[in-house]
Amino acid sequence: MSLTVTTHISSKQNPGIKNLVLLQKQKERAEQNLILIEGLKEIEKADLSGYVIEQVYFCPEIIGLQQVSELFSKSKPGKVFSVSADVFEKIAYRESTGGVIVLAKPKLHTFSGLNLPKNPLLLVLEGVEKPGNMGAIYRTADAAGIDAVLIAEPRTDLYNPNAIRASLGCVFSVPTVICSGAEALNWLKTNQIHIFSTYLQAAVPYHTVNFAQPCAIVLGTEADGISDQWVKNSNTNIIIPMRGQADSMNVSTAAAVVVFEACRQRGFK
């Protein structure tokens, strides 16, 4: 696909440029129903995952138009703007973005959009607060082939630039539902999905349970863990045995440990 530049922007006072800076804040993203995506891999994943790309801003001093065009194999962006180096420096949220920033429409993350296999493996994230942890978990979820992530009682924005960066764009590729804890519990029980909740008390070692059945692995925050509703309503509470003095692990690390044990039991299919 070959893109055409709509116009060149060399002024930091351009209304579109000012708006890009505003969209670095979650409140603005929510009000405008738009998300910012930086990074070549991240943009490519969003395009391949069916996100609607409305605007593209690129710096010709960093990347050429042809290379920008190659990022979009599934859809054609609405408008394409070239910007000067000093303008791009103003709108870039982080360093090493590859010279491209896009505006896209977020998806609706509801249960109605899920299309699961007969024997699904799911992750439930309750109240995860740090965007970096959220992104790291999504990177693990993508690598492990997790069928969906349920974000219960969200405390951070899935499309926070740091979450997108830490996930390498996997927040776009992994099917996601954003809901309340009660909604997640009800849906899992209705669909007869076994609930394994990570918990530090009255729990069995994670490697001794059966992850080969349809199941969901529930993780909470490092500070508070999971809420009582998950402790009381899960089918099995599991723990990662630890030999040191720390009583818990980083949630993204814990997710990787448990998820890949599930993959091992399933034969990495």
Foldseek 3Di string as FASTA:
>chain_A
DADDAPEEAEDCPPPVLVLLQVQLDPVSCVVVQKFKAFALLQLLLLQVLPWAWAEKEFECVQDNRVVVVVSHPRDDYNHYYYYHPVSQVSNDPDPPRSGMMTMTGDDAQAPVPADADPFAEEEEEEAAADLLLLLLLLLLCVVLVHQEYEYANYNDDCRNRNSSVNNSNSSSVHRYHYYHPVVVLVVCVVSVAAEEEEDLPPAAALLVDALRGRYYYYFYQPVPTDDPVCVVRGPGYHYHDDDDDDSDDHRSVVSNVNSVSSCVNNVSD
